[in-house]
Amino acid sequence: MHALGNEHLSKAEWRDRLKRARADQTAESHATEASALVNAVSKVTSGTVCAYLPFGTEPGTAALADALAAGGARVLLPVIQPEPGPLEWAEYTGEADLVPSRFRGIREPGGKRLGVEAVRAAELILVPALAVDRRGVRLGRGAGHYDRSLVFAEAGATLLAVVRDAELVDRLPGEPHDVRMTGALTPGRGVVELPM
């Protein structure tokens, strides 16, 4: 047992519970956590990073990508394809070059598409998550974009699920096709290595 409830919940029950908890977060708390995430990620060094732009109630802001770029990283952001499948990637060159995605609220780079295998160049991949457990099992929104994309990553890449502190939990339901995270990026603890 942990703060968010019973570890025997289904994925749908977990998603519902986690989305409600995020919706209840105050704007001030979100801003404080976003600042802490920027501080934590600014201590991470890497040549190429696959990141994403948080939207809605997701932890963080576009400042995550800016902090990585300011630290010298080449930052790639996802481009969601019209058909279900792996993500394409494009280089992040600043907020001025972002365009609306076909999904409401999501922005993506407007520049050249680098293909689905561009993730292979990344030493570090920041992955959106509703929660991650101590074994590295990540719970996403259920569309499967990242599970289909992370199979192209290099075996030694660092995979960090970006979550709030309470979203690092003891155990989530997992499936054989789930790509395990090697760590979590949290506002309060920074980078937490997994599995523990």
N, C-alpha and C. Protein backbone atom coordinates (compact mmCIF):
# COMPACT_ATOMS: atom_id res chain seq x y z
N MET A 1 0.84 -1.19 0.00
CA MET A 1 0.00 0.00 0.00
C MET A 1 0.88 1.25 0.00
N HIS A 2 0.38 2.31 -0.57
CA HIS A 2 1.08 3.59 -0.60
C HIS A 2 0.05 4.70 -0.69
N ALA A 3 0.50 5.92 -0.79
CA ALA A 3 -0.38 7.08 -0.71
C ALA A 3 -1.48 7.08 -1.77
N LEU A 4 -1.21 6.55 -2.95
CA LEU A 4 -2.21 6.60 -4.00
C LEU A 4 -3.17 5.42 -3.99
N GLY A 5 -2.97 4.45 -3.15
CA GLY A 5 -3.96 3.38 -3.06
C GLY A 5 -3.39 1.99 -3.26
N ASN A 6 -4.26 1.07 -3.54
CA ASN A 6 -3.94 -0.34 -3.61
C ASN A 6 -3.17 -0.67 -4.89
N GLU A 7 -2.07 -1.40 -4.74
CA GLU A 7 -1.25 -1.76 -5.89
C GLU A 7 -1.92 -2.80 -6.79
N HIS A 8 -3.06 -3.34 -6.40
CA HIS A 8 -3.74 -4.35 -7.20
C HIS A 8 -4.81 -3.76 -8.11
N LEU A 9 -4.82 -2.45 -8.27
CA LEU A 9 -5.76 -1.81 -9.17
C LEU A 9 -5.42 -2.17 -10.62
N SER A 10 -6.42 -2.12 -11.49
CA SER A 10 -6.18 -2.32 -12.92
C SER A 10 -5.52 -1.07 -13.48
N LYS A 11 -5.01 -1.17 -14.71
CA LYS A 11 -4.42 0.01 -15.35
C LYS A 11 -5.45 1.13 -15.46
N ALA A 12 -6.68 0.79 -15.84
CA ALA A 12 -7.73 1.81 -15.99
C ALA A 12 -8.02 2.48 -14.65
N GLU A 13 -8.07 1.69 -13.57
CA GLU A 13 -8.31 2.27 -12.24
C GLU A 13 -7.15 3.15 -11.82
N TRP A 14 -5.92 2.73 -12.08
CA TRP A 14 -4.75 3.56 -11.79
C TRP A 14 -4.84 4.87 -12.55
N ARG A 15 -5.12 4.78 -13.86
CA ARG A 15 -5.18 6.00 -14.67
C ARG A 15 -6.22 6.98 -14.13
N ASP A 16 -7.38 6.47 -13.80
CA ASP A 16 -8.44 7.33 -13.27
C ASP A 16 -7.99 8.01 -11.98
N ARG A 17 -7.43 7.26 -11.09
CA ARG A 17 -6.99 7.79 -9.79
C ARG A 17 -5.88 8.84 -9.96
N LEU A 18 -4.92 8.53 -10.82
CA LEU A 18 -3.79 9.44 -11.03
C LEU A 18 -4.22 10.72 -11.74
N LYS A 19 -5.09 10.60 -12.72
CA LYS A 19 -5.57 11.79 -13.43
C LYS A 19 -6.36 12.70 -12.48
N ARG A 20 -7.16 12.11 -11.60
CA ARG A 20 -7.90 12.92 -10.62
C ARG A 20 -6.95 13.64 -9.68
N ALA A 21 -5.90 12.95 -9.23
CA ALA A 21 -4.93 13.58 -8.32
C ALA A 21 -4.23 14.73 -9.02
N ARG A 22 -3.88 14.57 -10.28
CA ARG A 22 -3.24 15.66 -11.02
C ARG A 22 -4.19 16.83 -11.22
N ALA A 23 -5.45 16.53 -11.49
CA ALA A 23 -6.44 17.60 -11.70
C ALA A 23 -6.65 18.41 -10.42
N ASP A 24 -6.44 17.80 -9.28
CA ASP A 24 -6.62 18.48 -7.99
C ASP A 24 -5.42 19.34 -7.59
N GLN A 25 -4.31 19.25 -8.31
CA GLN A 25 -3.12 20.01 -7.97
C GLN A 25 -3.35 21.50 -8.24
N THR A 26 -2.90 22.34 -7.34
CA THR A 26 -3.04 23.78 -7.53
C THR A 26 -2.01 24.27 -8.55
N ALA A 27 -2.31 25.42 -9.15
CA ALA A 27 -1.39 26.02 -10.12
C ALA A 27 -0.06 26.36 -9.44
N GLU A 28 -0.12 26.82 -8.19
CA GLU A 28 1.10 27.16 -7.46
C GLU A 28 1.97 25.92 -7.24
N SER A 29 1.35 24.82 -6.84
CA SER A 29 2.08 23.57 -6.62
C SER A 29 2.70 23.07 -7.94
N HIS A 30 1.94 23.16 -9.03
CA HIS A 30 2.45 22.74 -10.34
C HIS A 30 3.67 23.57 -10.72
N ALA A 31 3.59 24.88 -10.52
CA ALA A 31 4.71 25.76 -10.87
C ALA A 31 5.95 25.46 -10.02
N THR A 32 5.74 25.19 -8.73
CA THR A 32 6.85 24.86 -7.84
C THR A 32 7.52 23.56 -8.28
N GLU A 33 6.71 22.55 -8.58
CA GLU A 33 7.25 21.27 -9.04
C GLU A 33 7.95 21.42 -10.39
N ALA A 34 7.39 22.23 -11.29
CA ALA A 34 8.00 22.44 -12.61
C ALA A 34 9.38 23.07 -12.45
N SER A 35 9.50 24.01 -11.55
CA SER A 35 10.80 24.66 -11.29
C SER A 35 11.80 23.65 -10.73
N ALA A 36 11.34 22.79 -9.83
CA ALA A 36 12.21 21.77 -9.25
C ALA A 36 12.67 20.77 -10.31
N LEU A 37 11.80 20.43 -11.25
CA LEU A 37 12.18 19.51 -12.32
C LEU A 37 13.24 20.14 -13.23
N VAL A 38 13.10 21.43 -13.52
CA VAL A 38 14.11 22.13 -14.33
C VAL A 38 15.45 22.10 -13.61
N ASN A 39 15.42 22.37 -12.31
CA ASN A 39 16.65 22.34 -11.51
C ASN A 39 17.29 20.95 -11.55
N ALA A 40 16.48 19.91 -11.42
CA ALA A 40 17.00 18.54 -11.43
C ALA A 40 17.55 18.16 -12.80
N VAL A 41 16.85 18.52 -13.87
CA VAL A 41 17.29 18.12 -15.21
C VAL A 41 18.51 18.93 -15.65
N SER A 42 18.68 20.12 -15.09
CA SER A 42 19.85 20.92 -15.47
C SER A 42 21.15 20.31 -14.96
N LYS A 43 21.06 19.36 -14.03
CA LYS A 43 22.24 18.68 -13.50
C LYS A 43 22.58 17.43 -14.32
N VAL A 44 21.71 17.09 -15.27
CA VAL A 44 21.91 15.91 -16.11
C VAL A 44 22.61 16.36 -17.39
N THR A 45 23.71 15.67 -17.71
CA THR A 45 24.43 16.03 -18.94
C THR A 45 24.30 14.90 -19.95
N SER A 46 24.11 15.28 -21.19
CA SER A 46 23.97 14.29 -22.25
C SER A 46 24.14 14.99 -23.58
N GLY A 47 24.65 14.26 -24.57
CA GLY A 47 24.84 14.83 -25.90
C GLY A 47 23.52 15.01 -26.63
N THR A 48 22.75 13.94 -26.74
CA THR A 48 21.44 14.00 -27.40
C THR A 48 20.40 13.48 -26.41
N VAL A 49 19.32 14.24 -26.29
CA VAL A 49 18.23 13.89 -25.38
C VAL A 49 16.93 13.88 -26.16
N CYS A 50 16.16 12.82 -26.01
CA CYS A 50 14.78 12.82 -26.49
C CYS A 50 13.94 13.26 -25.30
N ALA A 51 13.24 14.34 -25.47
CA ALA A 51 12.41 14.89 -24.40
C ALA A 51 10.98 15.03 -24.95
N TYR A 52 10.17 15.80 -24.28
CA TYR A 52 8.81 16.09 -24.74
C TYR A 52 8.39 17.38 -24.06
N LEU A 53 7.32 17.97 -24.55
CA LEU A 53 6.79 19.19 -23.96
C LEU A 53 5.56 18.82 -23.13
N PRO A 54 5.67 18.90 -21.80
CA PRO A 54 4.51 18.57 -20.97
C PRO A 54 3.31 19.46 -21.33
N PHE A 55 2.12 18.90 -21.21
CA PHE A 55 0.92 19.69 -21.45
C PHE A 55 -0.14 19.31 -20.43
N GLY A 56 -1.12 20.18 -20.27
CA GLY A 56 -2.20 19.91 -19.32
C GLY A 56 -1.66 19.78 -17.91
N THR A 57 -2.01 18.69 -17.26
CA THR A 57 -1.62 18.46 -15.86
C THR A 57 -0.30 17.70 -15.72
N GLU A 58 0.38 17.42 -16.85
CA GLU A 58 1.65 16.70 -16.76
C GLU A 58 2.67 17.52 -15.98
N PRO A 59 3.53 16.86 -15.21
CA PRO A 59 4.57 17.59 -14.47
C PRO A 59 5.53 18.29 -15.42
N GLY A 60 5.89 19.52 -15.06
CA GLY A 60 6.88 20.26 -15.84
C GLY A 60 6.26 21.21 -16.84
N THR A 61 7.14 21.90 -17.56
CA THR A 61 6.76 22.84 -18.60
C THR A 61 7.79 22.73 -19.73
N ALA A 62 7.64 23.56 -20.75
CA ALA A 62 8.60 23.58 -21.85
C ALA A 62 9.99 23.98 -21.36
N ALA A 63 10.07 24.55 -20.16
CA ALA A 63 11.37 24.93 -19.60
C ALA A 63 12.30 23.73 -19.44
N LEU A 64 11.75 22.52 -19.37
CA LEU A 64 12.59 21.30 -19.31
C LEU A 64 13.45 21.20 -20.57
N ALA A 65 12.83 21.35 -21.73
CA ALA A 65 13.57 21.27 -22.99
C ALA A 65 14.56 22.43 -23.09
N ASP A 66 14.14 23.61 -22.65
CA ASP A 66 15.03 24.77 -22.69
C ASP A 66 16.26 24.56 -21.80
N ALA A 67 16.06 23.98 -20.62
CA ALA A 67 17.18 23.74 -19.71
C ALA A 67 18.16 22.73 -20.30
N LEU A 68 17.65 21.70 -20.94
CA LEU A 68 18.51 20.71 -21.58
C LEU A 68 19.32 21.36 -22.70
N ALA A 69 18.65 22.16 -23.53
CA ALA A 69 19.34 22.83 -24.63
C ALA A 69 20.38 23.82 -24.10
N ALA A 70 20.03 24.55 -23.04
CA ALA A 70 20.97 25.52 -22.45
C ALA A 70 22.20 24.81 -21.89
N GLY A 71 22.04 23.55 -21.48
CA GLY A 71 23.16 22.77 -20.97
C GLY A 71 24.01 22.15 -22.07
N GLY A 72 23.67 22.41 -23.33
CA GLY A 72 24.48 21.93 -24.44
C GLY A 72 23.95 20.68 -25.13
N ALA A 73 22.81 20.15 -24.68
CA ALA A 73 22.27 18.94 -25.30
C ALA A 73 21.58 19.26 -26.63
N ARG A 74 21.64 18.32 -27.53
CA ARG A 74 20.80 18.36 -28.73
C ARG A 74 19.48 17.73 -28.29
N VAL A 75 18.39 18.49 -28.39
CA VAL A 75 17.10 18.03 -27.87
C VAL A 75 16.18 17.66 -29.04
N LEU A 76 15.70 16.42 -29.01
CA LEU A 76 14.73 15.94 -29.98
C LEU A 76 13.38 15.81 -29.29
N LEU A 77 12.33 16.25 -29.98
CA LEU A 77 10.97 16.15 -29.45
C LEU A 77 10.13 15.25 -30.34
N PRO A 78 9.11 14.60 -29.76
CA PRO A 78 8.30 13.68 -30.54
C PRO A 78 7.34 14.39 -31.48
N VAL A 79 7.05 13.70 -32.57
CA VAL A 79 6.04 14.11 -33.53
C VAL A 79 5.09 12.92 -33.65
N ILE A 80 3.84 13.12 -33.27
CA ILE A 80 2.86 12.03 -33.28
C ILE A 80 2.35 11.82 -34.69
N GLN A 81 2.40 10.58 -35.14
CA GLN A 81 1.99 10.23 -36.49
C GLN A 81 0.47 10.08 -36.59
N PRO A 82 -0.10 10.25 -37.78
CA PRO A 82 -1.55 10.11 -37.95
C PRO A 82 -2.06 8.71 -37.62
N GLU A 83 -1.26 7.70 -37.92
CA GLU A 83 -1.66 6.32 -37.64
C GLU A 83 -0.97 5.85 -36.35
N PRO A 84 -1.60 4.97 -35.56
CA PRO A 84 -0.94 4.47 -34.35
C PRO A 84 0.38 3.78 -34.71
N GLY A 85 1.40 4.10 -33.97
CA GLY A 85 2.71 3.54 -34.23
C GLY A 85 3.76 4.29 -33.45
N PRO A 86 5.03 4.06 -33.78
CA PRO A 86 6.10 4.77 -33.08
C PRO A 86 6.10 6.25 -33.42
N LEU A 87 6.69 7.02 -32.54
CA LEU A 87 6.81 8.46 -32.72
C LEU A 87 7.93 8.78 -33.71
N GLU A 88 7.75 9.85 -34.46
CA GLU A 88 8.85 10.42 -35.21
C GLU A 88 9.48 11.46 -34.31
N TRP A 89 10.63 11.99 -34.70
CA TRP A 89 11.34 12.97 -33.88
C TRP A 89 11.80 14.12 -34.75
N ALA A 90 11.88 15.30 -34.13
CA ALA A 90 12.41 16.48 -34.80
C ALA A 90 13.20 17.28 -33.78
N GLU A 91 14.19 18.03 -34.26
CA GLU A 91 15.04 18.78 -33.34
C GLU A 91 14.31 20.00 -32.79
N TYR A 92 14.49 20.22 -31.49
CA TYR A 92 13.92 21.39 -30.81
C TYR A 92 14.89 22.55 -30.95
N THR A 93 14.41 23.64 -31.55
CA THR A 93 15.26 24.82 -31.74
C THR A 93 14.70 26.03 -31.01
N GLY A 94 13.72 25.82 -30.15
CA GLY A 94 13.13 26.91 -29.38
C GLY A 94 11.62 26.98 -29.57
N GLU A 95 10.97 27.65 -28.65
CA GLU A 95 9.50 27.70 -28.68
C GLU A 95 8.96 28.39 -29.92
N ALA A 96 9.73 29.31 -30.50
CA ALA A 96 9.25 30.04 -31.67
C ALA A 96 9.01 29.12 -32.87
N ASP A 97 9.69 27.99 -32.92
CA ASP A 97 9.55 27.07 -34.05
C ASP A 97 8.55 25.94 -33.81
N LEU A 98 7.82 26.00 -32.69
CA LEU A 98 6.84 24.96 -32.39
C LEU A 98 5.53 25.23 -33.13
N VAL A 99 4.88 24.14 -33.53
CA VAL A 99 3.59 24.24 -34.20
C VAL A 99 2.59 23.34 -33.46
N PRO A 100 1.29 23.63 -33.61
CA PRO A 100 0.29 22.75 -32.97
C PRO A 100 0.31 21.36 -33.59
N SER A 101 0.19 20.36 -32.74
CA SER A 101 0.06 18.98 -33.20
C SER A 101 -1.38 18.76 -33.64
N ARG A 102 -1.63 17.63 -34.25
CA ARG A 102 -3.01 17.29 -34.58
C ARG A 102 -3.80 16.94 -33.33
N PHE A 103 -3.10 16.74 -32.20
CA PHE A 103 -3.75 16.49 -30.92
C PHE A 103 -3.83 17.80 -30.15
N ARG A 104 -5.00 18.15 -29.72
CA ARG A 104 -5.25 19.42 -29.04
C ARG A 104 -4.35 19.59 -27.81
N GLY A 105 -3.72 20.74 -27.73
CA GLY A 105 -2.89 21.07 -26.58
C GLY A 105 -1.44 20.67 -26.70
N ILE A 106 -1.11 19.85 -27.68
CA ILE A 106 0.27 19.38 -27.84
C ILE A 106 0.95 20.21 -28.93
N ARG A 107 2.19 20.61 -28.66
CA ARG A 107 2.99 21.32 -29.65
C ARG A 107 4.18 20.45 -30.02
N GLU A 108 4.66 20.63 -31.25
CA GLU A 108 5.79 19.85 -31.73
C GLU A 108 6.65 20.72 -32.65
N PRO A 109 7.89 20.32 -32.85
CA PRO A 109 8.75 21.11 -33.74
C PRO A 109 8.21 21.12 -35.17
N GLY A 110 8.34 22.27 -35.80
CA GLY A 110 7.87 22.38 -37.18
C GLY A 110 8.92 22.04 -38.20
N GLY A 111 10.13 21.72 -37.77
CA GLY A 111 11.24 21.46 -38.68
C GLY A 111 11.25 20.06 -39.26
N LYS A 112 12.37 19.71 -39.84
CA LYS A 112 12.57 18.44 -40.53
C LYS A 112 12.32 17.24 -39.62
N ARG A 113 11.57 16.27 -40.13
CA ARG A 113 11.32 15.02 -39.40
C ARG A 113 12.54 14.11 -39.57
N LEU A 114 12.96 13.51 -38.46
CA LEU A 114 14.16 12.69 -38.46
C LEU A 114 13.87 11.19 -38.46
N GLY A 115 12.59 10.82 -38.46
CA GLY A 115 12.20 9.42 -38.50
C GLY A 115 12.07 8.79 -37.12
N VAL A 116 11.55 7.58 -37.09
CA VAL A 116 11.29 6.89 -35.84
C VAL A 116 12.58 6.38 -35.18
N GLU A 117 13.61 6.15 -35.98
CA GLU A 117 14.86 5.62 -35.43
C GLU A 117 15.79 6.69 -34.88
N ALA A 118 15.39 7.95 -34.96
CA ALA A 118 16.22 9.03 -34.41
C ALA A 118 16.41 8.89 -32.90
N VAL A 119 15.49 8.21 -32.25
CA VAL A 119 15.60 7.99 -30.80
C VAL A 119 16.88 7.20 -30.47
N ARG A 120 17.40 6.48 -31.44
CA ARG A 120 18.61 5.67 -31.24
C ARG A 120 19.82 6.54 -30.89
N ALA A 121 19.81 7.80 -31.29
CA ALA A 121 20.94 8.71 -31.03
C ALA A 121 20.95 9.22 -29.59
N ALA A 122 19.87 9.04 -28.86
CA ALA A 122 19.74 9.63 -27.52
C ALA A 122 20.40 8.78 -26.44
N GLU A 123 21.21 9.43 -25.63
CA GLU A 123 21.75 8.78 -24.43
C GLU A 123 20.74 8.85 -23.28
N LEU A 124 19.87 9.87 -23.34
CA LEU A 124 18.86 10.11 -22.31
C LEU A 124 17.52 10.32 -22.99
N ILE A 125 16.50 9.65 -22.45
CA ILE A 125 15.14 9.81 -22.97
C ILE A 125 14.22 10.12 -21.80
N LEU A 126 13.60 11.29 -21.84
CA LEU A 126 12.59 11.66 -20.84
C LEU A 126 11.24 11.18 -21.36
N VAL A 127 10.53 10.43 -20.53
CA VAL A 127 9.31 9.77 -20.97
C VAL A 127 8.14 10.24 -20.11
N PRO A 128 7.07 10.73 -20.73
CA PRO A 128 5.90 11.11 -19.93
C PRO A 128 5.27 9.87 -19.30
N ALA A 129 4.76 10.04 -18.10
CA ALA A 129 4.15 8.91 -17.39
C ALA A 129 3.13 9.44 -16.39
N LEU A 130 2.12 8.63 -16.16
CA LEU A 130 1.20 8.91 -15.05
C LEU A 130 1.79 8.41 -13.75
N ALA A 131 2.58 7.35 -13.84
CA ALA A 131 3.26 6.79 -12.67
C ALA A 131 4.33 5.83 -13.16
N VAL A 132 5.25 5.50 -12.26
CA VAL A 132 6.26 4.48 -12.51
C VAL A 132 6.48 3.75 -11.20
N ASP A 133 6.74 2.45 -11.30
CA ASP A 133 6.97 1.73 -10.05
C ASP A 133 8.46 1.45 -9.86
N ARG A 134 8.79 0.88 -8.73
CA ARG A 134 10.19 0.68 -8.34
C ARG A 134 10.88 -0.40 -9.17
N ARG A 135 10.11 -1.14 -9.99
CA ARG A 135 10.70 -2.12 -10.90
C ARG A 135 10.94 -1.51 -12.28
N GLY A 136 10.50 -0.24 -12.46
CA GLY A 136 10.65 0.42 -13.75
C GLY A 136 9.44 0.31 -14.64
N VAL A 137 8.35 -0.30 -14.15
CA VAL A 137 7.13 -0.39 -14.94
C VAL A 137 6.48 0.99 -14.99
N ARG A 138 6.24 1.48 -16.20
CA ARG A 138 5.67 2.81 -16.42
C ARG A 138 4.22 2.69 -16.84
N LEU A 139 3.40 3.58 -16.31
CA LEU A 139 2.00 3.66 -16.72
C LEU A 139 1.83 4.95 -17.52
N GLY A 140 1.54 4.80 -18.81
CA GLY A 140 1.28 5.96 -19.66
C GLY A 140 -0.21 6.18 -19.80
N ARG A 141 -0.57 6.97 -20.78
CA ARG A 141 -1.99 7.28 -21.01
C ARG A 141 -2.72 6.17 -21.75
N GLY A 142 -2.00 5.21 -22.30
CA GLY A 142 -2.64 4.05 -22.91
C GLY A 142 -2.61 4.01 -24.42
N ALA A 143 -2.04 5.04 -25.08
CA ALA A 143 -2.01 5.04 -26.54
C ALA A 143 -0.90 4.15 -27.10
N GLY A 144 0.14 3.87 -26.31
CA GLY A 144 1.21 2.97 -26.73
C GLY A 144 2.30 3.60 -27.57
N HIS A 145 2.28 4.93 -27.76
CA HIS A 145 3.29 5.58 -28.60
C HIS A 145 4.71 5.31 -28.09
N TYR A 146 4.91 5.42 -26.79
CA TYR A 146 6.27 5.26 -26.25
C TYR A 146 6.69 3.80 -26.22
N ASP A 147 5.79 2.88 -25.91
CA ASP A 147 6.17 1.47 -25.94
C ASP A 147 6.60 1.06 -27.35
N ARG A 148 5.95 1.64 -28.37
CA ARG A 148 6.32 1.33 -29.76
C ARG A 148 7.61 2.05 -30.17
N SER A 149 7.92 3.16 -29.51
CA SER A 149 9.08 3.97 -29.88
C SER A 149 10.36 3.55 -29.18
N LEU A 150 10.24 3.19 -27.91
CA LEU A 150 11.44 2.91 -27.11
C LEU A 150 12.16 1.64 -27.53
N VAL A 151 11.52 0.79 -28.32
CA VAL A 151 12.21 -0.40 -28.84
C VAL A 151 13.33 0.00 -29.79
N PHE A 152 13.32 1.23 -30.31
CA PHE A 152 14.37 1.72 -31.21
C PHE A 152 15.54 2.34 -30.44
N ALA A 153 15.38 2.53 -29.13
CA ALA A 153 16.44 3.16 -28.32
C ALA A 153 17.62 2.20 -28.16
N GLU A 154 18.80 2.78 -27.97
CA GLU A 154 19.99 1.96 -27.69
C GLU A 154 19.82 1.27 -26.35
N ALA A 155 20.39 0.08 -26.21
CA ALA A 155 20.24 -0.70 -24.98
C ALA A 155 20.75 0.04 -23.74
N GLY A 156 21.77 0.86 -23.88
CA GLY A 156 22.34 1.55 -22.72
C GLY A 156 21.74 2.91 -22.43
N ALA A 157 20.71 3.32 -23.18
CA ALA A 157 20.12 4.64 -22.97
C ALA A 157 19.46 4.72 -21.59
N THR A 158 19.52 5.88 -20.99
CA THR A 158 18.84 6.14 -19.72
C THR A 158 17.41 6.55 -20.03
N LEU A 159 16.45 5.82 -19.48
CA LEU A 159 15.02 6.09 -19.69
C LEU A 159 14.43 6.60 -18.39
N LEU A 160 14.10 7.90 -18.33
CA LEU A 160 13.57 8.50 -17.11
C LEU A 160 12.10 8.85 -17.28
N ALA A 161 11.25 8.23 -16.47
CA ALA A 161 9.84 8.60 -16.42
C ALA A 161 9.74 9.89 -15.60
N VAL A 162 9.07 10.90 -16.14
CA VAL A 162 8.91 12.17 -15.45
C VAL A 162 7.58 12.13 -14.69
N VAL A 163 7.68 12.12 -13.37
CA VAL A 163 6.49 11.98 -12.52
C VAL A 163 6.59 12.88 -11.30
N ARG A 164 5.44 13.10 -10.69
CA ARG A 164 5.40 13.78 -9.39
C ARG A 164 5.92 12.78 -8.35
N ASP A 165 6.32 13.29 -7.19
CA ASP A 165 6.89 12.42 -6.16
C ASP A 165 5.95 11.28 -5.76
N ALA A 166 4.66 11.59 -5.60
CA ALA A 166 3.70 10.56 -5.18
C ALA A 166 3.41 9.56 -6.28
N GLU A 167 3.86 9.83 -7.51
CA GLU A 167 3.61 8.93 -8.63
C GLU A 167 4.72 7.90 -8.84
N LEU A 168 5.73 7.93 -7.98
CA LEU A 168 6.72 6.84 -7.91
C LEU A 168 6.18 5.89 -6.86
N VAL A 169 5.65 4.76 -7.31
CA VAL A 169 4.89 3.86 -6.44
C VAL A 169 5.57 2.50 -6.31
N ASP A 170 5.05 1.70 -5.41
CA ASP A 170 5.65 0.39 -5.16
C ASP A 170 5.46 -0.58 -6.32
N ARG A 171 4.22 -0.69 -6.85
CA ARG A 171 3.97 -1.69 -7.88
C ARG A 171 2.78 -1.29 -8.75
N LEU A 172 2.99 -1.38 -10.06
CA LEU A 172 1.95 -1.14 -11.05
C LEU A 172 1.72 -2.41 -11.84
N PRO A 173 0.54 -2.56 -12.44
CA PRO A 173 0.34 -3.71 -13.32
C PRO A 173 1.19 -3.53 -14.58
N GLY A 174 1.90 -4.56 -14.96
CA GLY A 174 2.76 -4.49 -16.13
C GLY A 174 2.47 -5.61 -17.09
N GLU A 175 2.93 -5.44 -18.33
CA GLU A 175 2.76 -6.45 -19.37
C GLU A 175 4.12 -6.72 -20.01
N PRO A 176 4.29 -7.89 -20.62
CA PRO A 176 5.59 -8.24 -21.20
C PRO A 176 6.13 -7.23 -22.20
N HIS A 177 5.26 -6.54 -22.96
CA HIS A 177 5.73 -5.60 -23.98
C HIS A 177 6.13 -4.24 -23.38
N ASP A 178 5.83 -4.01 -22.12
CA ASP A 178 6.17 -2.73 -21.48
C ASP A 178 7.69 -2.55 -21.44
N VAL A 179 8.16 -1.41 -21.91
CA VAL A 179 9.59 -1.10 -21.84
C VAL A 179 9.86 -0.52 -20.45
N ARG A 180 10.79 -1.13 -19.73
CA ARG A 180 11.09 -0.71 -18.36
C ARG A 180 11.93 0.56 -18.34
N MET A 181 11.61 1.44 -17.40
CA MET A 181 12.38 2.65 -17.18
C MET A 181 13.61 2.32 -16.34
N THR A 182 14.68 3.06 -16.56
CA THR A 182 15.88 2.88 -15.73
C THR A 182 15.88 3.85 -14.56
N GLY A 183 14.95 4.81 -14.58
CA GLY A 183 14.88 5.77 -13.50
C GLY A 183 13.64 6.64 -13.61
N ALA A 184 13.52 7.51 -12.62
CA ALA A 184 12.43 8.48 -12.59
C ALA A 184 13.03 9.86 -12.35
N LEU A 185 12.42 10.87 -12.92
CA LEU A 185 12.78 12.25 -12.65
C LEU A 185 11.62 12.85 -11.87
N THR A 186 11.89 13.22 -10.62
CA THR A 186 10.85 13.73 -9.74
C THR A 186 11.23 15.12 -9.22
N PRO A 187 10.24 15.93 -8.85
CA PRO A 187 10.54 17.26 -8.32
C PRO A 187 11.30 17.22 -7.00
N GLY A 188 10.92 16.34 -6.10
CA GLY A 188 11.49 16.34 -4.77
C GLY A 188 12.79 15.57 -4.62
N ARG A 189 12.97 14.53 -5.42
CA ARG A 189 14.15 13.67 -5.27
C ARG A 189 15.09 13.72 -6.45
N GLY A 190 14.75 14.49 -7.47
CA GLY A 190 15.59 14.55 -8.66
C GLY A 190 15.54 13.23 -9.40
N VAL A 191 16.70 12.76 -9.85
CA VAL A 191 16.78 11.49 -10.57
C VAL A 191 16.86 10.35 -9.56
N VAL A 192 15.93 9.42 -9.70
CA VAL A 192 15.90 8.22 -8.85
C VAL A 192 16.16 7.02 -9.75
N GLU A 193 17.23 6.29 -9.46
CA GLU A 193 17.55 5.11 -10.27
C GLU A 193 16.60 3.97 -9.95
N LEU A 194 16.21 3.23 -10.99
CA LEU A 194 15.32 2.08 -10.86
C LEU A 194 15.98 0.92 -11.62
N PRO A 195 15.62 -0.32 -11.39
CA PRO A 195 14.75 -0.76 -10.31
C PRO A 195 15.49 -0.74 -8.97
N MET A 196 14.69 -0.62 -7.94
CA MET A 196 15.24 -0.56 -6.57
C MET A 196 15.09 -1.90 -5.89
